[in-house]
PDB file of all heavy atoms in Angstrom:
ATOM      1  N   ARG A   1     205.162  25.833 -70.192  1.00  0.00           N
ATOM      2  CA  ARG A   1     205.495  24.568 -70.871  1.00  0.00           C
ATOM      3  C   ARG A   1     206.867  24.695 -71.502  1.00  0.00           C
ATOM      4  O   ARG A   1     207.107  25.610 -72.288  1.00  0.00           O
ATOM      5  CB  ARG A   1     204.439  24.227 -71.922  1.00  0.00           C
ATOM      6  CG  ARG A   1     204.708  22.920 -72.636  1.00  0.00           C
ATOM      7  CD  ARG A   1     203.583  22.548 -73.589  1.00  0.00           C
ATOM      8  NE  ARG A   1     203.925  21.338 -74.321  1.00  0.00           N
ATOM      9  CZ  ARG A   1     204.628  21.323 -75.460  1.00  0.00           C
ATOM     10  NH1 ARG A   1     205.027  22.475 -75.995  1.00  0.00           N
ATOM     11  NH2 ARG A   1     204.906  20.188 -76.049  1.00  0.00           N
ATOM     12  N   LYS A   2     207.779  23.802 -71.112  1.00  0.00           N
ATOM     13  CA  LYS A   2     209.165  23.801 -71.583  1.00  0.00           C
ATOM     14  C   LYS A   2     209.806  25.167 -71.377  1.00  0.00           C
ATOM     15  O   LYS A   2     210.500  25.694 -72.240  1.00  0.00           O
ATOM     16  CB  LYS A   2     209.244  23.346 -73.033  1.00  0.00           C
ATOM     17  CG  LYS A   2     208.674  21.938 -73.248  1.00  0.00           C
ATOM     18  CD  LYS A   2     208.876  21.433 -74.662  1.00  0.00           C
ATOM     19  CE  LYS A   2     210.308  20.990 -74.892  1.00  0.00           C
ATOM     20  NZ  LYS A   2     210.473  20.307 -76.200  1.00  0.00           N
ATOM     21  N   GLY A   3     209.531  25.742 -70.214  1.00  0.00           N
ATOM     22  CA  GLY A   3     210.163  26.992 -69.814  1.00  0.00           C
ATOM     23  C   GLY A   3     209.512  28.249 -70.329  1.00  0.00           C
ATOM     24  O   GLY A   3     209.848  29.356 -69.887  1.00  0.00           O
ATOM     25  N   ALA A   4     208.579  28.130 -71.260  1.00  0.00           N
ATOM     26  CA  ALA A   4     207.929  29.302 -71.841  1.00  0.00           C
ATOM     27  C   ALA A   4     206.491  29.397 -71.366  1.00  0.00           C
ATOM     28  O   ALA A   4     205.830  28.383 -71.106  1.00  0.00           O
ATOM     29  CB  ALA A   4     207.964  29.225 -73.368  1.00  0.00           C
ATOM     30  N   VAL A   5     205.988  30.623 -71.260  1.00  0.00           N
ATOM     31  CA  VAL A   5     204.611  30.815 -70.829  1.00  0.00           C
ATOM     32  C   VAL A   5     203.673  30.294 -71.919  1.00  0.00           C
ATOM     33  O   VAL A   5     203.731  30.738 -73.067  1.00  0.00           O
ATOM     34  CB  VAL A   5     204.330  32.302 -70.543  1.00  0.00           C
ATOM     35  CG1 VAL A   5     202.854  32.497 -70.191  1.00  0.00           C
ATOM     36  CG2 VAL A   5     205.214  32.800 -69.410  1.00  0.00           C
ATOM     37  N   ASP A   6     202.835  29.350 -71.559  1.00  0.00           N
ATOM     38  CA  ASP A   6     201.890  28.767 -72.498  1.00  0.00           C
ATOM     39  C   ASP A   6     200.543  29.478 -72.416  1.00  0.00           C
ATOM     40  O   ASP A   6     199.943  29.820 -73.434  1.00  0.00           O
ATOM     41  CB  ASP A   6     201.730  27.277 -72.215  1.00  0.00           C
ATOM     42  CG  ASP A   6     200.961  26.549 -73.293  1.00  0.00           C
ATOM     43  OD1 ASP A   6     201.336  26.677 -74.467  1.00  0.00           O
ATOM     44  OD2 ASP A   6     199.996  25.855 -72.965  1.00  0.00           O
ATOM     45  N   THR A   7     200.039  29.663 -71.197  1.00  0.00           N
ATOM     46  CA  THR A   7     198.805  30.420 -70.996  1.00  0.00           C
ATOM     47  C   THR A   7     198.959  31.301 -69.766  1.00  0.00           C
ATOM     48  O   THR A   7     199.634  30.937 -68.802  1.00  0.00           O
ATOM     49  CB  THR A   7     197.581  29.505 -70.793  1.00  0.00           C
ATOM     50  OG1 THR A   7     197.780  28.704 -69.631  1.00  0.00           O
ATOM     51  CG2 THR A   7     197.348  28.606 -71.989  1.00  0.00           C
ATOM     52  N   LEU A   8     198.331  32.444 -69.816  1.00  0.00           N
ATOM     53  CA  LEU A   8     198.310  33.383 -68.698  1.00  0.00           C
ATOM     54  C   LEU A   8     196.922  33.990 -68.631  1.00  0.00           C
ATOM     55  O   LEU A   8     196.461  34.605 -69.596  1.00  0.00           O
ATOM     56  CB  LEU A   8     199.358  34.482 -68.891  1.00  0.00           C
ATOM     57  CG  LEU A   8     199.320  35.670 -67.930  1.00  0.00           C
ATOM     58  CD1 LEU A   8     199.503  35.221 -66.491  1.00  0.00           C
ATOM     59  CD2 LEU A   8     200.379  36.695 -68.314  1.00  0.00           C
ATOM     60  N   GLU A   9     196.248  33.785 -67.515  1.00  0.00           N
ATOM     61  CA  GLU A   9     194.873  34.264 -67.385  1.00  0.00           C
ATOM     62  C   GLU A   9     194.675  34.992 -66.068  1.00  0.00           C
ATOM     63  O   GLU A   9     194.942  34.452 -64.996  1.00  0.00           O
ATOM     64  CB  GLU A   9     193.892  33.096 -67.463  1.00  0.00           C
ATOM     65  CG  GLU A   9     192.430  33.506 -67.304  1.00  0.00           C
ATOM     66  CD  GLU A   9     191.474  32.339 -67.344  1.00  0.00           C
ATOM     67  OE1 GLU A   9     191.914  31.223 -67.682  1.00  0.00           O
ATOM     68  OE2 GLU A   9     190.291  32.531 -67.024  1.00  0.00           O
ATOM     69  N   HIS A  10     194.226  36.226 -66.172  1.00  0.00           N
ATOM     70  CA  HIS A  10     193.749  36.970 -65.010  1.00  0.00           C
ATOM     71  C   HIS A  10     192.225  36.991 -65.096  1.00  0.00           C
ATOM     72  O   HIS A  10     191.662  37.343 -66.134  1.00  0.00           O
ATOM     73  CB  HIS A  10     194.284  38.414 -65.013  1.00  0.00           C
ATOM     74  CG  HIS A  10     195.732  38.509 -64.657  1.00  0.00           C
ATOM     75  ND1 HIS A  10     196.172  38.672 -63.368  1.00  0.00           N
ATOM     76  CD2 HIS A  10     196.843  38.459 -65.434  1.00  0.00           C
ATOM     77  CE1 HIS A  10     197.492  38.731 -63.357  1.00  0.00           C
ATOM     78  NE2 HIS A  10     197.926  38.599 -64.599  1.00  0.00           N
ATOM     79  N   ASN A  11     191.568  36.591 -64.035  1.00  0.00           N
ATOM     80  CA  ASN A  11     190.109  36.580 -64.062  1.00  0.00           C
ATOM     81  C   ASN A  11     189.548  37.472 -62.961  1.00  0.00           C
ATOM     82  O   ASN A  11     190.102  37.576 -61.871  1.00  0.00           O
ATOM     83  CB  ASN A  11     189.576  35.157 -63.877  1.00  0.00           C
ATOM     84  CG  ASN A  11     189.997  34.530 -62.568  1.00  0.00           C
ATOM     85  OD1 ASN A  11     191.147  34.119 -62.412  1.00  0.00           O
ATOM     86  ND2 ASN A  11     189.077  34.440 -61.616  1.00  0.00           N
ATOM     87  N   ARG A  12     188.467  38.135 -63.298  1.00  0.00           N
ATOM     88  CA  ARG A  12     187.684  38.893 -62.321  1.00  0.00           C
ATOM     89  C   ARG A  12     186.229  38.731 -62.736  1.00  0.00           C
ATOM     90  O   ARG A  12     185.810  39.255 -63.772  1.00  0.00           O
ATOM     91  CB  ARG A  12     188.103  40.363 -62.274  1.00  0.00           C
ATOM     92  CG  ARG A  12     187.398  41.157 -61.181  1.00  0.00           C
ATOM     93  CD  ARG A  12     188.007  42.530 -60.965  1.00  0.00           C
ATOM     94  NE  ARG A  12     189.288  42.468 -60.294  1.00  0.00           N
ATOM     95  CZ  ARG A  12     189.441  42.408 -58.971  1.00  0.00           C
ATOM     96  NH1 ARG A  12     188.377  42.379 -58.189  1.00  0.00           N
ATOM     97  NH2 ARG A  12     190.644  42.370 -58.446  1.00  0.00           N
ATOM     98  N   ASP A  13     185.485  37.979 -61.957  1.00  0.00           N
ATOM     99  CA  ASP A  13     184.139  37.586 -62.330  1.00  0.00           C
ATOM    100  C   ASP A  13     183.143  38.023 -61.267  1.00  0.00           C
ATOM    101  O   ASP A  13     183.491  38.188 -60.093  1.00  0.00           O
ATOM    102  CB  ASP A  13     184.053  36.060 -62.496  1.00  0.00           C
ATOM    103  CG  ASP A  13     185.179  35.516 -63.359  1.00  0.00           C
ATOM    104  OD1 ASP A  13     185.245  35.893 -64.534  1.00  0.00           O
ATOM    105  OD2 ASP A  13     185.987  34.718 -62.838  1.00  0.00           O
ATOM    106  N   LYS A  14     181.895  38.146 -61.691  1.00  0.00           N
ATOM    107  CA  LYS A  14     180.817  38.423 -60.738  1.00  0.00           C
ATOM    108  C   LYS A  14     179.523  37.881 -61.309  1.00  0.00           C
ATOM    109  O   LYS A  14     179.368  37.730 -62.528  1.00  0.00           O
ATOM    110  CB  LYS A  14     180.688  39.922 -60.458  1.00  0.00           C
ATOM    111  CG  LYS A  14     180.398  40.773 -61.691  1.00  0.00           C
ATOM    112  CD  LYS A  14     180.271  42.246 -61.320  1.00  0.00           C
ATOM    113  CE  LYS A  14     179.948  43.084 -62.558  1.00  0.00           C
ATOM    114  NZ  LYS A  14     179.707  44.509 -62.233  1.00  0.00           N
ATOM    115  N   ALA A  15     178.590  37.579 -60.422  1.00  0.00           N
ATOM    116  CA  ALA A  15     177.315  37.023 -60.865  1.00  0.00           C
ATOM    117  C   ALA A  15     176.257  37.227 -59.797  1.00  0.00           C
ATOM    118  O   ALA A  15     176.557  37.255 -58.594  1.00  0.00           O
ATOM    119  CB  ALA A  15     177.452  35.539 -61.172  1.00  0.00           C
ATOM    120  N   LEU A  16     175.033  37.391 -60.260  1.00  0.00           N
ATOM    121  CA  LEU A  16     173.871  37.462 -59.373  1.00  0.00           C
ATOM    122  C   LEU A  16     172.823  36.518 -59.937  1.00  0.00           C
ATOM    123  O   LEU A  16     172.455  36.608 -61.110  1.00  0.00           O
ATOM    124  CB  LEU A  16     173.325  38.883 -59.284  1.00  0.00           C
ATOM    125  CG  LEU A  16     172.119  39.125 -58.367  1.00  0.00           C
ATOM    126  CD1 LEU A  16     172.151  40.548 -57.793  1.00  0.00           C
ATOM    127  CD2 LEU A  16     170.786  38.906 -59.086  1.00  0.00           C
ATOM    128  N   GLY A  17     172.370  35.575 -59.121  1.00  0.00           N
ATOM    129  CA  GLY A  17     171.325  34.654 -59.530  1.00  0.00           C
ATOM    130  C   GLY A  17     170.140  34.754 -58.601  1.00  0.00           C
ATOM    131  O   GLY A  17     170.309  34.888 -57.382  1.00  0.00           O
ATOM    132  N   VAL A  18     168.947  34.716 -59.151  1.00  0.00           N
ATOM    133  CA  VAL A  18     167.743  34.834 -58.328  1.00  0.00           C
ATOM    134  C   VAL A  18     166.729  33.770 -58.740  1.00  0.00           C
ATOM    135  O   VAL A  18     166.532  33.507 -59.927  1.00  0.00           O
ATOM    136  CB  VAL A  18     167.131  36.254 -58.430  1.00  0.00           C
ATOM    137  CG1 VAL A  18     166.762  36.589 -59.874  1.00  0.00           C
ATOM    138  CG2 VAL A  18     165.913  36.398 -57.532  1.00  0.00           C
ATOM    139  N   SER A  19     166.140  33.111 -57.757  1.00  0.00           N
ATOM    140  CA  SER A  19     165.056  32.151 -57.983  1.00  0.00           C
ATOM    141  C   SER A  19     163.815  32.648 -57.275  1.00  0.00           C
ATOM    142  O   SER A  19     163.886  33.039 -56.094  1.00  0.00           O
ATOM    143  CB  SER A  19     165.429  30.766 -57.442  1.00  0.00           C
ATOM    144  OG  SER A  19     166.497  30.210 -58.168  1.00  0.00           O
ATOM    145  N   VAL A  20     162.695  32.661 -57.966  1.00  0.00           N
ATOM    146  CA  VAL A  20     161.437  33.091 -57.360  1.00  0.00           C
ATOM    147  C   VAL A  20     160.441  31.944 -57.401  1.00  0.00           C
ATOM    148  O   VAL A  20     160.508  31.055 -58.260  1.00  0.00           O
ATOM    149  CB  VAL A  20     160.855  34.323 -58.072  1.00  0.00           C
ATOM    150  CG1 VAL A  20     161.830  35.500 -58.029  1.00  0.00           C
ATOM    151  CG2 VAL A  20     160.488  33.999 -59.509  1.00  0.00           C
ATOM    152  N   TYR A  21     159.525  31.959 -56.446  1.00  0.00           N
ATOM    153  CA  TYR A  21     158.490  30.929 -56.342  1.00  0.00           C
ATOM    154  C   TYR A  21     157.134  31.609 -56.285  1.00  0.00           C
ATOM    155  O   TYR A  21     156.950  32.584 -55.545  1.00  0.00           O
ATOM    156  CB  TYR A  21     158.715  30.085 -55.089  1.00  0.00           C
ATOM    157  CG  TYR A  21     160.065  29.403 -55.069  1.00  0.00           C
ATOM    158  CD1 TYR A  21     161.172  30.027 -54.493  1.00  0.00           C
ATOM    159  CD2 TYR A  21     160.232  28.152 -55.643  1.00  0.00           C
ATOM    160  CE1 TYR A  21     162.412  29.404 -54.488  1.00  0.00           C
ATOM    161  CE2 TYR A  21     161.474  27.526 -55.640  1.00  0.00           C
ATOM    162  CZ  TYR A  21     162.558  28.160 -55.057  1.00  0.00           C
ATOM    163  OH  TYR A  21     163.784  27.552 -55.058  1.00  0.00           O
ATOM    164  N   LEU A  22     156.221  31.101 -57.074  1.00  0.00           N
ATOM    165  CA  LEU A  22     154.853  31.607 -57.088  1.00  0.00           C
ATOM    166  C   LEU A  22     153.931  30.513 -56.567  1.00  0.00           C
ATOM    167  O   LEU A  22     153.974  29.374 -57.040  1.00  0.00           O
ATOM    168  CB  LEU A  22     154.433  31.997 -58.508  1.00  0.00           C
ATOM    169  CG  LEU A  22     155.289  33.049 -59.216  1.00  0.00           C
ATOM    170  CD1 LEU A  22     154.743  33.317 -60.619  1.00  0.00           C
ATOM    171  CD2 LEU A  22     155.352  34.343 -58.410  1.00  0.00           C
ATOM    172  N   GLY A  23     153.091  30.853 -55.573  1.00  0.00           N
ATOM    173  CA  GLY A  23     152.173  29.881 -54.999  1.00  0.00           C
ATOM    174  C   GLY A  23     152.773  29.155 -53.812  1.00  0.00           C
ATOM    175  O   GLY A  23     153.952  29.327 -53.473  1.00  0.00           O
ATOM    176  N   GLU A  24     151.955  28.356 -53.186  1.00  0.00           N
ATOM    177  CA  GLU A  24     152.370  27.580 -52.021  1.00  0.00           C
ATOM    178  C   GLU A  24     152.291  26.096 -52.366  1.00  0.00           C
ATOM    179  O   GLU A  24     151.500  25.680 -53.210  1.00  0.00           O
ATOM    180  CB  GLU A  24     151.468  27.892 -50.820  1.00  0.00           C
ATOM    181  CG  GLU A  24     151.428  29.367 -50.433  1.00  0.00           C
ATOM    182  CD  GLU A  24     152.757  29.893 -49.924  1.00  0.00           C
ATOM    183  OE1 GLU A  24     153.564  29.054 -49.431  1.00  0.00           O
ATOM    184  OE2 GLU A  24     153.017  31.105 -50.011  1.00  0.00           O
ATOM    185  N   ARG A  25     153.121  25.310 -51.703  1.00  0.00           N
ATOM    186  CA  ARG A  25     153.066  23.869 -51.942  1.00  0.00           C
ATOM    187  C   ARG A  25     151.691  23.320 -51.585  1.00  0.00           C
ATOM    188  O   ARG A  25     151.114  23.722 -50.573  1.00  0.00           O
ATOM    189  CB  ARG A  25     154.153  23.149 -51.116  1.00  0.00           C
ATOM    190  CG  ARG A  25     155.541  23.295 -51.728  1.00  0.00           C
ATOM    191  CD  ARG A  25     156.503  22.205 -51.236  1.00  0.00           C
ATOM    192  NE  ARG A  25     156.579  22.149 -49.798  1.00  0.00           N
ATOM    193  CZ  ARG A  25     157.420  22.880 -49.064  1.00  0.00           C
ATOM    194  NH1 ARG A  25     158.233  23.725 -49.668  1.00  0.00           N
ATOM    195  NH2 ARG A  25     157.426  22.768 -47.764  1.00  0.00           N
ATOM    196  N   PRO A  26     151.173  22.441 -52.434  1.00  0.00           N
ATOM    197  CA  PRO A  26     151.827  21.726 -53.536  1.00  0.00           C
ATOM    198  C   PRO A  26     151.732  22.410 -54.897  1.00  0.00           C
ATOM    199  O   PRO A  26     152.034  21.788 -55.915  1.00  0.00           O
ATOM    200  CB  PRO A  26     151.083  20.395 -53.548  1.00  0.00           C
ATOM    201  CG  PRO A  26     149.689  20.768 -53.168  1.00  0.00           C
ATOM    202  CD  PRO A  26     149.817  21.872 -52.163  1.00  0.00           C
ATOM    203  N   HIS A  27     151.302  23.664 -54.920  1.00  0.00           N
ATOM    204  CA  HIS A  27     151.075  24.344 -56.210  1.00  0.00           C
ATOM    205  C   HIS A  27     152.121  25.442 -56.401  1.00  0.00           C
ATOM    206  O   HIS A  27     151.810  26.635 -56.378  1.00  0.00           O
ATOM    207  CB  HIS A  27     149.671  24.912 -56.272  1.00  0.00           C
ATOM    208  CG  HIS A  27     148.592  23.913 -55.977  1.00  0.00           C
ATOM    209  ND1 HIS A  27     148.309  22.862 -56.824  1.00  0.00           N
ATOM    210  CD2 HIS A  27     147.739  23.785 -54.910  1.00  0.00           C
ATOM    211  CE1 HIS A  27     147.327  22.139 -56.315  1.00  0.00           C
ATOM    212  NE2 HIS A  27     146.970  22.669 -55.149  1.00  0.00           N
ATOM    213  N   VAL A  28     153.362  25.057 -56.568  1.00  0.00           N
ATOM    214  CA  VAL A  28     154.475  26.009 -56.654  1.00  0.00           C
ATOM    215  C   VAL A  28     155.039  26.029 -58.066  1.00  0.00           C
ATOM    216  O   VAL A  28     155.248  24.979 -58.689  1.00  0.00           O
ATOM    217  CB  VAL A  28     155.586  25.651 -55.654  1.00  0.00           C
ATOM    218  CG1 VAL A  28     156.742  26.644 -55.765  1.00  0.00           C
ATOM    219  CG2 VAL A  28     155.055  25.628 -54.236  1.00  0.00           C
ATOM    220  N   ARG A  29     155.281  27.235 -58.562  1.00  0.00           N
ATOM    221  CA  ARG A  29     155.967  27.419 -59.836  1.00  0.00           C
ATOM    222  C   ARG A  29     157.273  28.149 -59.561  1.00  0.00           C
ATOM    223  O   ARG A  29     157.311  29.081 -58.755  1.00  0.00           O
ATOM    224  CB  ARG A  29     155.115  28.245 -60.817  1.00  0.00           C
ATOM    225  CG  ARG A  29     153.762  27.616 -61.147  1.00  0.00           C
ATOM    226  CD  ARG A  29     152.933  28.580 -61.983  1.00  0.00           C
ATOM    227  NE  ARG A  29     151.586  28.095 -62.212  1.00  0.00           N
ATOM    228  CZ  ARG A  29     151.218  27.362 -63.264  1.00  0.00           C
ATOM    229  NH1 ARG A  29     152.125  27.033 -64.182  1.00  0.00           N
ATOM    230  NH2 ARG A  29     149.975  26.948 -63.397  1.00  0.00           N
ATOM    231  N   ARG A  30     158.351  27.730 -60.235  1.00  0.00           N
ATOM    232  CA  ARG A  30     159.681  28.300 -59.979  1.00  0.00           C
ATOM    233  C   ARG A  30     160.261  28.897 -61.243  1.00  0.00           C
ATOM    234  O   ARG A  30     160.122  28.343 -62.344  1.00  0.00           O
ATOM    235  CB  ARG A  30     160.627  27.226 -59.460  1.00  0.00           C
ATOM    236  CG  ARG A  30     162.068  27.690 -59.234  1.00  0.00           C
ATOM    237  CD  ARG A  30     162.944  26.530 -58.809  1.00  0.00           C
ATOM    238  NE  ARG A  30     164.320  26.938 -58.583  1.00  0.00           N
ATOM    239  CZ  ARG A  30     165.273  26.987 -59.511  1.00  0.00           C
ATOM    240  NH1 ARG A  30     164.973  26.648 -60.758  1.00  0.00           N
ATOM    241  NH2 ARG A  30     166.500  27.361 -59.206  1.00  0.00           N
ATOM    242  N   GLY A  31     160.926  30.030 -61.084  1.00  0.00           N
ATOM    243  CA  GLY A  31     161.644  30.648 -62.188  1.00  0.00           C
ATOM    244  C   GLY A  31     163.009  31.115 -61.719  1.00  0.00           C
ATOM    245  O   GLY A  31     163.172  31.529 -60.572  1.00  0.00           O
TER     246      GLY A  31
END
């Protein structure tokens, strides 16, 4: 901004997401 560094961000991210299902349709529970 106006020739000067306003923000500088280096990012390194990671994630693991898991969904589980208990039972069979129509009786399914999800977590």
